[in-house]
Amino acid sequence: MSRDVFERRGFGGVVDLLARLCAYGGGIVITGIALMSAWSIVGRAATGKPIQGDFELVQLGCAICVGLFLPICQLRGGNIIVDFFTAKTSARTRSALDAAGALLVAAMMALITWRTGVGLAAVRANAETSMIMGVPIWWGYAGMMPGLVVSVLAALVTAADALAPREGDAA
């Protein structure tokens, strides 16, 4: 997006802080996954004893990371955009389209958040666990939820940013 992300104040600044915290959390999780995978690989090669069920933890951790990295991606304009048809339109038209796109992202993220919450409740009620380690499946769903909620807010902030007047815009 065209507005400098570090200029956000008020609600946008709070959402930016939450997105950064989610990204840091995702970074911690992915670092843990990498270290655990390395330990398992070394254990398999050196002693023939890998961490049993390590792939289950990788799956769980990656799901959590995806959810936690989504908000920062939205705020920093990291999602793929196709501007082939809009490259020659006015800045005002592009801003309106960017806002509409961000609102669609907000709606989709709200739907995904809701359905993830429903899935969380279902797997928790059924006490589903992973096959080898017996890790509760709902932990993955729960780990994704903060990032999904902040993603909805981030999309709303980017929509507002797209519609905000900029220097040089006609009054």
N, C-alpha and C. Protein backbone atom coordinates (compact mmCIF):
# COMPACT_ATOMS: atom_id res chain seq x y z
N MET A 1 0.84 -1.17 0.00
CA MET A 1 0.00 0.00 0.00
C MET A 1 0.88 1.24 0.00
N SER A 2 0.32 2.33 -0.38
CA SER A 2 1.15 3.51 -0.59
C SER A 2 1.44 4.29 0.69
N ARG A 3 0.65 4.13 1.71
CA ARG A 3 0.89 4.87 2.95
C ARG A 3 2.01 4.19 3.74
N ASP A 4 2.91 4.97 4.28
CA ASP A 4 4.02 4.42 5.07
C ASP A 4 3.44 3.73 6.30
N VAL A 5 3.77 2.45 6.48
CA VAL A 5 3.18 1.67 7.57
C VAL A 5 3.58 2.18 8.94
N PHE A 6 4.69 2.89 9.03
CA PHE A 6 5.12 3.38 10.32
C PHE A 6 4.45 4.70 10.69
N GLU A 7 3.60 5.23 9.81
CA GLU A 7 2.85 6.45 10.11
C GLU A 7 1.51 6.16 10.78
N ARG A 8 1.16 4.91 10.89
CA ARG A 8 -0.16 4.58 11.44
C ARG A 8 -0.27 5.03 12.89
N ARG A 9 -1.39 5.64 13.19
CA ARG A 9 -1.68 6.09 14.55
C ARG A 9 -3.04 5.52 14.96
N GLY A 10 -3.34 5.59 16.23
CA GLY A 10 -4.65 5.16 16.72
C GLY A 10 -4.87 3.68 16.49
N PHE A 11 -6.07 3.34 15.99
CA PHE A 11 -6.45 1.95 15.77
C PHE A 11 -5.48 1.26 14.81
N GLY A 12 -5.08 1.95 13.75
CA GLY A 12 -4.13 1.36 12.80
C GLY A 12 -2.80 1.04 13.45
N GLY A 13 -2.36 1.90 14.38
CA GLY A 13 -1.11 1.64 15.09
C GLY A 13 -1.22 0.43 16.01
N VAL A 14 -2.37 0.27 16.64
CA VAL A 14 -2.60 -0.89 17.51
C VAL A 14 -2.59 -2.16 16.67
N VAL A 15 -3.27 -2.12 15.53
CA VAL A 15 -3.31 -3.29 14.66
C VAL A 15 -1.91 -3.60 14.13
N ASP A 16 -1.14 -2.56 13.80
CA ASP A 16 0.23 -2.77 13.35
C ASP A 16 1.06 -3.44 14.45
N LEU A 17 0.91 -3.00 15.67
CA LEU A 17 1.63 -3.62 16.80
C LEU A 17 1.21 -5.08 16.96
N LEU A 18 -0.09 -5.35 16.90
CA LEU A 18 -0.58 -6.73 17.03
C LEU A 18 -0.05 -7.61 15.90
N ALA A 19 0.00 -7.05 14.68
CA ALA A 19 0.52 -7.81 13.54
C ALA A 19 1.99 -8.14 13.73
N ARG A 20 2.75 -7.16 14.25
CA ARG A 20 4.18 -7.42 14.50
C ARG A 20 4.35 -8.48 15.59
N LEU A 21 3.53 -8.42 16.64
CA LEU A 21 3.61 -9.43 17.69
C LEU A 21 3.27 -10.82 17.15
N CYS A 22 2.26 -10.89 16.29
CA CYS A 22 1.93 -12.17 15.66
C CYS A 22 3.11 -12.67 14.83
N ALA A 23 3.73 -11.77 14.06
CA ALA A 23 4.87 -12.16 13.23
C ALA A 23 6.04 -12.65 14.09
N TYR A 24 6.30 -11.97 15.20
CA TYR A 24 7.35 -12.43 16.12
C TYR A 24 7.01 -13.81 16.66
N GLY A 25 5.75 -14.00 17.04
CA GLY A 25 5.32 -15.32 17.52
C GLY A 25 5.50 -16.39 16.46
N GLY A 26 5.13 -16.06 15.22
CA GLY A 26 5.34 -16.99 14.11
C GLY A 26 6.81 -17.29 13.90
N GLY A 27 7.64 -16.28 14.07
CA GLY A 27 9.09 -16.48 13.94
C GLY A 27 9.63 -17.41 15.00
N ILE A 28 9.12 -17.27 16.21
CA ILE A 28 9.54 -18.16 17.30
C ILE A 28 9.11 -19.60 17.00
N VAL A 29 7.88 -19.76 16.52
CA VAL A 29 7.37 -21.10 16.21
C VAL A 29 8.19 -21.73 15.09
N ILE A 30 8.44 -20.98 14.01
CA ILE A 30 9.18 -21.56 12.88
C ILE A 30 10.62 -21.86 13.26
N THR A 31 11.20 -21.06 14.15
CA THR A 31 12.55 -21.35 14.64
C THR A 31 12.54 -22.64 15.46
N GLY A 32 11.52 -22.81 16.29
CA GLY A 32 11.39 -24.05 17.05
C GLY A 32 11.23 -25.26 16.15
N ILE A 33 10.45 -25.10 15.09
CA ILE A 33 10.26 -26.21 14.13
C ILE A 33 11.60 -26.56 13.47
N ALA A 34 12.33 -25.52 13.07
CA ALA A 34 13.62 -25.77 12.41
C ALA A 34 14.60 -26.47 13.34
N LEU A 35 14.68 -26.01 14.58
CA LEU A 35 15.58 -26.64 15.55
C LEU A 35 15.17 -28.08 15.85
N MET A 36 13.88 -28.30 16.01
CA MET A 36 13.39 -29.65 16.28
C MET A 36 13.66 -30.56 15.09
N SER A 37 13.46 -30.06 13.87
CA SER A 37 13.73 -30.87 12.67
C SER A 37 15.21 -31.20 12.57
N ALA A 38 16.06 -30.22 12.83
CA ALA A 38 17.50 -30.46 12.78
C ALA A 38 17.90 -31.51 13.82
N TRP A 39 17.38 -31.39 15.03
CA TRP A 39 17.66 -32.36 16.09
C TRP A 39 17.23 -33.76 15.66
N SER A 40 16.06 -33.85 15.05
CA SER A 40 15.53 -35.14 14.62
C SER A 40 16.39 -35.74 13.50
N ILE A 41 16.81 -34.89 12.55
CA ILE A 41 17.64 -35.36 11.44
C ILE A 41 19.00 -35.85 11.95
N VAL A 42 19.60 -35.07 12.83
CA VAL A 42 20.88 -35.47 13.42
C VAL A 42 20.71 -36.77 14.22
N GLY A 43 19.65 -36.85 14.98
CA GLY A 43 19.39 -38.07 15.75
C GLY A 43 19.19 -39.28 14.85
N ARG A 44 18.50 -39.08 13.73
CA ARG A 44 18.28 -40.18 12.79
C ARG A 44 19.61 -40.62 12.17
N ALA A 45 20.45 -39.64 11.78
CA ALA A 45 21.72 -39.95 11.12
C ALA A 45 22.75 -40.52 12.10
N ALA A 46 22.81 -39.95 13.29
CA ALA A 46 23.87 -40.32 14.24
C ALA A 46 23.54 -41.57 15.04
N THR A 47 22.32 -41.68 15.50
CA THR A 47 21.98 -42.79 16.40
C THR A 47 20.85 -43.67 15.89
N GLY A 48 20.24 -43.26 14.77
CA GLY A 48 19.10 -44.01 14.27
C GLY A 48 17.84 -43.78 15.07
N LYS A 49 17.85 -42.74 15.92
CA LYS A 49 16.70 -42.44 16.77
C LYS A 49 16.23 -41.00 16.54
N PRO A 50 15.34 -40.81 15.56
CA PRO A 50 14.80 -39.47 15.35
C PRO A 50 13.72 -39.17 16.40
N ILE A 51 13.25 -37.97 16.41
CA ILE A 51 12.11 -37.63 17.27
C ILE A 51 10.88 -38.26 16.64
N GLN A 52 10.26 -39.16 17.37
CA GLN A 52 9.07 -39.83 16.85
C GLN A 52 7.93 -38.83 16.68
N GLY A 53 7.33 -38.81 15.51
CA GLY A 53 6.21 -37.92 15.26
C GLY A 53 6.62 -36.49 14.94
N ASP A 54 7.89 -36.29 14.57
CA ASP A 54 8.35 -34.93 14.30
C ASP A 54 7.54 -34.26 13.19
N PHE A 55 7.10 -35.03 12.22
CA PHE A 55 6.32 -34.47 11.12
C PHE A 55 4.97 -33.93 11.62
N GLU A 56 4.44 -34.53 12.67
CA GLU A 56 3.19 -34.01 13.25
C GLU A 56 3.40 -32.61 13.83
N LEU A 57 4.53 -32.45 14.50
CA LEU A 57 4.84 -31.13 15.07
C LEU A 57 5.12 -30.11 13.97
N VAL A 58 5.75 -30.55 12.88
CA VAL A 58 5.99 -29.64 11.75
C VAL A 58 4.66 -29.19 11.16
N GLN A 59 3.74 -30.11 10.96
CA GLN A 59 2.41 -29.77 10.43
C GLN A 59 1.70 -28.77 11.34
N LEU A 60 1.69 -29.06 12.61
CA LEU A 60 1.03 -28.21 13.58
C LEU A 60 1.66 -26.83 13.60
N GLY A 61 2.99 -26.78 13.66
CA GLY A 61 3.70 -25.52 13.71
C GLY A 61 3.53 -24.69 12.44
N CYS A 62 3.54 -25.35 11.29
CA CYS A 62 3.37 -24.61 10.03
C CYS A 62 1.97 -24.01 9.93
N ALA A 63 0.97 -24.73 10.39
CA ALA A 63 -0.38 -24.17 10.39
C ALA A 63 -0.45 -22.92 11.26
N ILE A 64 0.17 -22.99 12.41
CA ILE A 64 0.20 -21.84 13.32
C ILE A 64 0.94 -20.68 12.67
N CYS A 65 2.08 -20.97 12.05
CA CYS A 65 2.88 -19.91 11.40
C CYS A 65 2.10 -19.21 10.31
N VAL A 66 1.41 -19.96 9.49
CA VAL A 66 0.63 -19.34 8.41
C VAL A 66 -0.35 -18.34 8.99
N GLY A 67 -1.10 -18.75 10.00
CA GLY A 67 -2.05 -17.84 10.63
C GLY A 67 -1.37 -16.61 11.23
N LEU A 68 -0.22 -16.80 11.83
CA LEU A 68 0.45 -15.68 12.51
C LEU A 68 1.14 -14.72 11.54
N PHE A 69 1.54 -15.20 10.36
CA PHE A 69 2.21 -14.32 9.40
C PHE A 69 1.24 -13.55 8.50
N LEU A 70 -0.01 -13.95 8.43
CA LEU A 70 -0.98 -13.29 7.55
C LEU A 70 -1.18 -11.80 7.83
N PRO A 71 -1.31 -11.36 9.10
CA PRO A 71 -1.59 -9.94 9.33
C PRO A 71 -0.48 -9.01 8.85
N ILE A 72 0.77 -9.37 9.11
CA ILE A 72 1.88 -8.51 8.70
C ILE A 72 1.98 -8.46 7.19
N CYS A 73 1.69 -9.57 6.55
CA CYS A 73 1.69 -9.61 5.09
C CYS A 73 0.64 -8.65 4.53
N GLN A 74 -0.53 -8.63 5.12
CA GLN A 74 -1.59 -7.73 4.66
C GLN A 74 -1.21 -6.27 4.90
N LEU A 75 -0.71 -5.96 6.06
CA LEU A 75 -0.36 -4.57 6.38
C LEU A 75 0.80 -4.05 5.54
N ARG A 76 1.73 -4.93 5.19
CA ARG A 76 2.91 -4.49 4.44
C ARG A 76 2.71 -4.59 2.93
N GLY A 77 1.50 -4.95 2.51
CA GLY A 77 1.22 -5.05 1.07
C GLY A 77 1.92 -6.22 0.42
N GLY A 78 2.10 -7.29 1.17
CA GLY A 78 2.82 -8.46 0.67
C GLY A 78 1.99 -9.44 -0.12
N ASN A 79 0.69 -9.25 -0.18
CA ASN A 79 -0.14 -10.15 -0.96
C ASN A 79 0.01 -9.85 -2.45
N ILE A 80 -0.19 -10.84 -3.26
CA ILE A 80 -0.07 -10.68 -4.71
C ILE A 80 -1.22 -9.82 -5.21
N ILE A 81 -0.88 -8.84 -6.02
CA ILE A 81 -1.92 -8.05 -6.68
C ILE A 81 -1.68 -8.14 -8.18
N VAL A 82 -2.74 -8.10 -8.93
CA VAL A 82 -2.66 -8.11 -10.39
C VAL A 82 -3.06 -6.73 -10.84
N ASP A 83 -2.07 -5.96 -11.28
CA ASP A 83 -2.36 -4.57 -11.67
C ASP A 83 -2.27 -4.35 -13.17
N PHE A 84 -2.35 -5.43 -13.93
CA PHE A 84 -2.27 -5.33 -15.38
C PHE A 84 -3.34 -4.40 -15.94
N PHE A 85 -4.57 -4.53 -15.46
CA PHE A 85 -5.67 -3.73 -15.99
C PHE A 85 -5.77 -2.35 -15.34
N THR A 86 -5.14 -2.18 -14.19
CA THR A 86 -5.29 -0.91 -13.47
C THR A 86 -4.05 -0.02 -13.54
N ALA A 87 -3.00 -0.48 -14.19
CA ALA A 87 -1.74 0.27 -14.21
C ALA A 87 -1.90 1.67 -14.80
N LYS A 88 -2.82 1.83 -15.75
CA LYS A 88 -2.97 3.12 -16.41
C LYS A 88 -4.18 3.91 -15.91
N THR A 89 -4.79 3.44 -14.84
CA THR A 89 -5.93 4.18 -14.29
C THR A 89 -5.42 5.26 -13.34
N SER A 90 -6.32 6.12 -12.94
CA SER A 90 -5.94 7.22 -12.04
C SER A 90 -5.63 6.68 -10.64
N ALA A 91 -4.90 7.48 -9.88
CA ALA A 91 -4.57 7.10 -8.51
C ALA A 91 -5.84 6.92 -7.69
N ARG A 92 -6.83 7.74 -7.94
CA ARG A 92 -8.10 7.65 -7.21
C ARG A 92 -8.79 6.31 -7.50
N THR A 93 -8.79 5.90 -8.75
CA THR A 93 -9.42 4.63 -9.12
C THR A 93 -8.66 3.46 -8.49
N ARG A 94 -7.33 3.51 -8.55
CA ARG A 94 -6.53 2.44 -7.93
C ARG A 94 -6.77 2.37 -6.43
N SER A 95 -6.88 3.53 -5.80
CA SER A 95 -7.15 3.55 -4.35
C SER A 95 -8.50 2.92 -4.04
N ALA A 96 -9.50 3.25 -4.84
CA ALA A 96 -10.83 2.67 -4.64
C ALA A 96 -10.79 1.15 -4.84
N LEU A 97 -10.08 0.71 -5.87
CA LEU A 97 -9.97 -0.74 -6.10
C LEU A 97 -9.17 -1.42 -5.00
N ASP A 98 -8.10 -0.76 -4.53
CA ASP A 98 -7.33 -1.32 -3.41
C ASP A 98 -8.21 -1.45 -2.16
N ALA A 99 -9.02 -0.44 -1.91
CA ALA A 99 -9.92 -0.48 -0.75
C ALA A 99 -10.93 -1.60 -0.90
N ALA A 100 -11.51 -1.73 -2.11
CA ALA A 100 -12.49 -2.80 -2.34
C ALA A 100 -11.83 -4.17 -2.16
N GLY A 101 -10.60 -4.32 -2.68
CA GLY A 101 -9.88 -5.58 -2.51
C GLY A 101 -9.61 -5.89 -1.05
N ALA A 102 -9.19 -4.87 -0.30
CA ALA A 102 -8.91 -5.06 1.12
C ALA A 102 -10.18 -5.43 1.88
N LEU A 103 -11.31 -4.85 1.50
CA LEU A 103 -12.58 -5.22 2.14
C LEU A 103 -12.97 -6.66 1.82
N LEU A 104 -12.69 -7.09 0.59
CA LEU A 104 -12.95 -8.49 0.25
C LEU A 104 -12.04 -9.42 1.05
N VAL A 105 -10.79 -9.02 1.23
CA VAL A 105 -9.87 -9.81 2.06
C VAL A 105 -10.41 -9.87 3.49
N ALA A 106 -10.88 -8.74 4.01
CA ALA A 106 -11.43 -8.71 5.37
C ALA A 106 -12.62 -9.67 5.48
N ALA A 107 -13.49 -9.66 4.48
CA ALA A 107 -14.65 -10.54 4.50
C ALA A 107 -14.23 -12.01 4.46
N MET A 108 -13.28 -12.33 3.58
CA MET A 108 -12.80 -13.71 3.48
C MET A 108 -12.09 -14.15 4.75
N MET A 109 -11.28 -13.26 5.32
CA MET A 109 -10.58 -13.61 6.56
C MET A 109 -11.57 -13.79 7.71
N ALA A 110 -12.62 -12.99 7.71
CA ALA A 110 -13.66 -13.16 8.74
C ALA A 110 -14.33 -14.52 8.60
N LEU A 111 -14.60 -14.92 7.37
CA LEU A 111 -15.20 -16.23 7.12
C LEU A 111 -14.25 -17.35 7.54
N ILE A 112 -12.98 -17.23 7.18
CA ILE A 112 -11.98 -18.24 7.55
C ILE A 112 -11.82 -18.30 9.08
N THR A 113 -11.82 -17.14 9.72
CA THR A 113 -11.70 -17.09 11.18
C THR A 113 -12.88 -17.79 11.84
N TRP A 114 -14.07 -17.50 11.36
CA TRP A 114 -15.28 -18.12 11.91
C TRP A 114 -15.21 -19.64 11.76
N ARG A 115 -14.89 -20.10 10.53
CA ARG A 115 -14.88 -21.54 10.29
C ARG A 115 -13.74 -22.24 11.06
N THR A 116 -12.63 -21.55 11.24
CA THR A 116 -11.54 -22.11 12.05
C THR A 116 -11.99 -22.24 13.50
N GLY A 117 -12.73 -21.25 13.99
CA GLY A 117 -13.29 -21.31 15.34
C GLY A 117 -14.26 -22.48 15.49
N VAL A 118 -15.08 -22.70 14.47
CA VAL A 118 -16.01 -23.84 14.50
C VAL A 118 -15.23 -25.15 14.50
N GLY A 119 -14.18 -25.21 13.67
CA GLY A 119 -13.35 -26.41 13.64
C GLY A 119 -12.64 -26.65 14.96
N LEU A 120 -12.17 -25.56 15.57
CA LEU A 120 -11.52 -25.64 16.88
C LEU A 120 -12.47 -26.26 17.90
N ALA A 121 -13.68 -25.76 17.94
CA ALA A 121 -14.66 -26.29 18.90
C ALA A 121 -14.95 -27.77 18.64
N ALA A 122 -15.04 -28.15 17.37
CA ALA A 122 -15.37 -29.54 17.02
C ALA A 122 -14.24 -30.50 17.39
N VAL A 123 -13.00 -30.16 17.03
CA VAL A 123 -11.91 -31.10 17.33
C VAL A 123 -11.61 -31.14 18.81
N ARG A 124 -11.87 -30.04 19.50
CA ARG A 124 -11.66 -30.05 20.94
C ARG A 124 -12.72 -30.91 21.63
N ALA A 125 -13.97 -30.76 21.18
CA ALA A 125 -15.06 -31.55 21.77
C ALA A 125 -14.87 -33.04 21.51
N ASN A 126 -14.30 -33.36 20.34
CA ASN A 126 -14.07 -34.77 20.00
C ASN A 126 -12.76 -35.31 20.55
N ALA A 127 -11.98 -34.45 21.19
CA ALA A 127 -10.69 -34.83 21.78
C ALA A 127 -9.76 -35.50 20.77
N GLU A 128 -9.77 -34.95 19.54
CA GLU A 128 -8.90 -35.49 18.50
C GLU A 128 -7.44 -35.21 18.82
N THR A 129 -6.60 -36.22 18.57
CA THR A 129 -5.16 -36.08 18.80
C THR A 129 -4.41 -36.58 17.58
N SER A 130 -3.13 -36.20 17.51
CA SER A 130 -2.30 -36.69 16.41
C SER A 130 -2.02 -38.17 16.61
N MET A 131 -1.67 -38.83 15.51
CA MET A 131 -1.54 -40.27 15.51
C MET A 131 -0.41 -40.80 16.38
N ILE A 132 0.77 -40.23 16.26
CA ILE A 132 1.95 -40.80 16.93
C ILE A 132 2.17 -40.19 18.30
N MET A 133 2.18 -38.87 18.37
CA MET A 133 2.52 -38.20 19.62
C MET A 133 1.32 -37.96 20.53
N GLY A 134 0.13 -38.04 19.98
CA GLY A 134 -1.06 -37.79 20.79
C GLY A 134 -1.26 -36.32 21.14
N VAL A 135 -0.72 -35.43 20.30
CA VAL A 135 -0.86 -33.98 20.53
C VAL A 135 -2.30 -33.58 20.18
N PRO A 136 -2.97 -32.86 21.05
CA PRO A 136 -4.34 -32.42 20.72
C PRO A 136 -4.35 -31.55 19.46
N ILE A 137 -5.18 -31.93 18.50
CA ILE A 137 -5.27 -31.22 17.22
C ILE A 137 -5.75 -29.79 17.42
N TRP A 138 -6.55 -29.55 18.43
CA TRP A 138 -7.11 -28.21 18.62
C TRP A 138 -6.02 -27.18 18.91
N TRP A 139 -4.86 -27.61 19.37
CA TRP A 139 -3.77 -26.67 19.64
C TRP A 139 -3.40 -25.90 18.36
N GLY A 140 -3.38 -26.58 17.24
CA GLY A 140 -3.08 -25.94 15.97
C GLY A 140 -4.12 -24.88 15.61
N TYR A 141 -5.38 -25.23 15.78
CA TYR A 141 -6.47 -24.29 15.51
C TYR A 141 -6.36 -23.08 16.43
N ALA A 142 -6.11 -23.35 17.71
CA ALA A 142 -6.02 -22.26 18.68
C ALA A 142 -4.83 -21.34 18.37
N GLY A 143 -3.73 -21.93 17.92
CA GLY A 143 -2.56 -21.14 17.58
C GLY A 143 -2.77 -20.25 16.37
N MET A 144 -3.66 -20.66 15.48
CA MET A 144 -3.95 -19.87 14.28
C MET A 144 -4.88 -18.70 14.56
N MET A 145 -5.75 -18.83 15.54
CA MET A 145 -6.83 -17.86 15.76
C MET A 145 -6.35 -16.42 15.97
N PRO A 146 -5.34 -16.16 16.79
CA PRO A 146 -4.94 -14.75 16.97
C PRO A 146 -4.54 -14.09 15.65
N GLY A 147 -3.77 -14.78 14.84
CA GLY A 147 -3.35 -14.23 13.56
C GLY A 147 -4.52 -14.01 12.62
N LEU A 148 -5.48 -14.93 12.63
CA LEU A 148 -6.64 -14.77 11.76
C LEU A 148 -7.48 -13.57 12.16
N VAL A 149 -7.68 -13.40 13.46
CA VAL A 149 -8.46 -12.24 13.94
C VAL A 149 -7.74 -10.94 13.58
N VAL A 150 -6.44 -10.89 13.80
CA VAL A 150 -5.68 -9.67 13.49
C VAL A 150 -5.65 -9.45 11.97
N SER A 151 -5.72 -10.51 11.18
CA SER A 151 -5.76 -10.37 9.72
C SER A 151 -7.01 -9.63 9.27
N VAL A 152 -8.13 -9.93 9.91
CA VAL A 152 -9.37 -9.21 9.58
C VAL A 152 -9.18 -7.73 9.86
N LEU A 153 -8.64 -7.42 11.03
CA LEU A 153 -8.41 -6.02 11.40
C LEU A 153 -7.40 -5.36 10.47
N ALA A 154 -6.36 -6.09 10.09
CA ALA A 154 -5.34 -5.55 9.19
C ALA A 154 -5.94 -5.21 7.82
N ALA A 155 -6.82 -6.06 7.33
CA ALA A 155 -7.46 -5.79 6.04
C ALA A 155 -8.34 -4.54 6.14
N LEU A 156 -9.02 -4.36 7.26
CA LEU A 156 -9.83 -3.15 7.44
C LEU A 156 -8.96 -1.91 7.50
N VAL A 157 -7.80 -2.02 8.15
CA VAL A 157 -6.88 -0.88 8.22
C VAL A 157 -6.34 -0.55 6.83
N THR A 158 -5.99 -1.57 6.05
CA THR A 158 -5.48 -1.30 4.71
C THR A 158 -6.55 -0.71 3.80
N ALA A 159 -7.80 -1.11 4.01
CA ALA A 159 -8.89 -0.50 3.24
C ALA A 159 -9.01 0.98 3.59
N ALA A 160 -8.96 1.29 4.88
CA ALA A 160 -9.03 2.69 5.31
C ALA A 160 -7.83 3.48 4.80
N ASP A 161 -6.65 2.87 4.83
CA ASP A 161 -5.45 3.53 4.32
C ASP A 161 -5.60 3.84 2.84
N ALA A 162 -6.16 2.91 2.08
CA ALA A 162 -6.31 3.12 0.64
C ALA A 162 -7.24 4.29 0.33
N LEU A 163 -8.21 4.51 1.19
CA LEU A 163 -9.16 5.60 0.96
C LEU A 163 -8.73 6.92 1.58
N ALA A 164 -7.72 6.90 2.43
CA ALA A 164 -7.28 8.12 3.11
C ALA A 164 -6.66 9.09 2.11
N PRO A 165 -6.95 10.38 2.26
CA PRO A 165 -6.35 11.37 1.35
C PRO A 165 -4.84 11.43 1.55
N ARG A 166 -4.14 11.70 0.46
CA ARG A 166 -2.69 11.80 0.49
C ARG A 166 -2.25 13.18 0.07
N GLU A 167 -1.01 13.49 0.39
CA GLU A 167 -0.48 14.78 -0.03
C GLU A 167 -0.56 14.90 -1.55
N GLY A 168 -0.97 16.02 -2.01
CA GLY A 168 -1.06 16.25 -3.45
C GLY A 168 -2.41 15.89 -4.04
N ASP A 169 -3.27 15.20 -3.26
CA ASP A 169 -4.62 14.90 -3.75
C ASP A 169 -5.42 16.19 -3.81
N ALA A 170 -6.27 16.27 -4.82
CA ALA A 170 -7.13 17.45 -4.95
C ALA A 170 -8.15 17.43 -3.82
N ALA A 171 -8.43 18.59 -3.27
CA ALA A 171 -9.36 18.71 -2.14
C ALA A 171 -10.79 18.59 -2.60
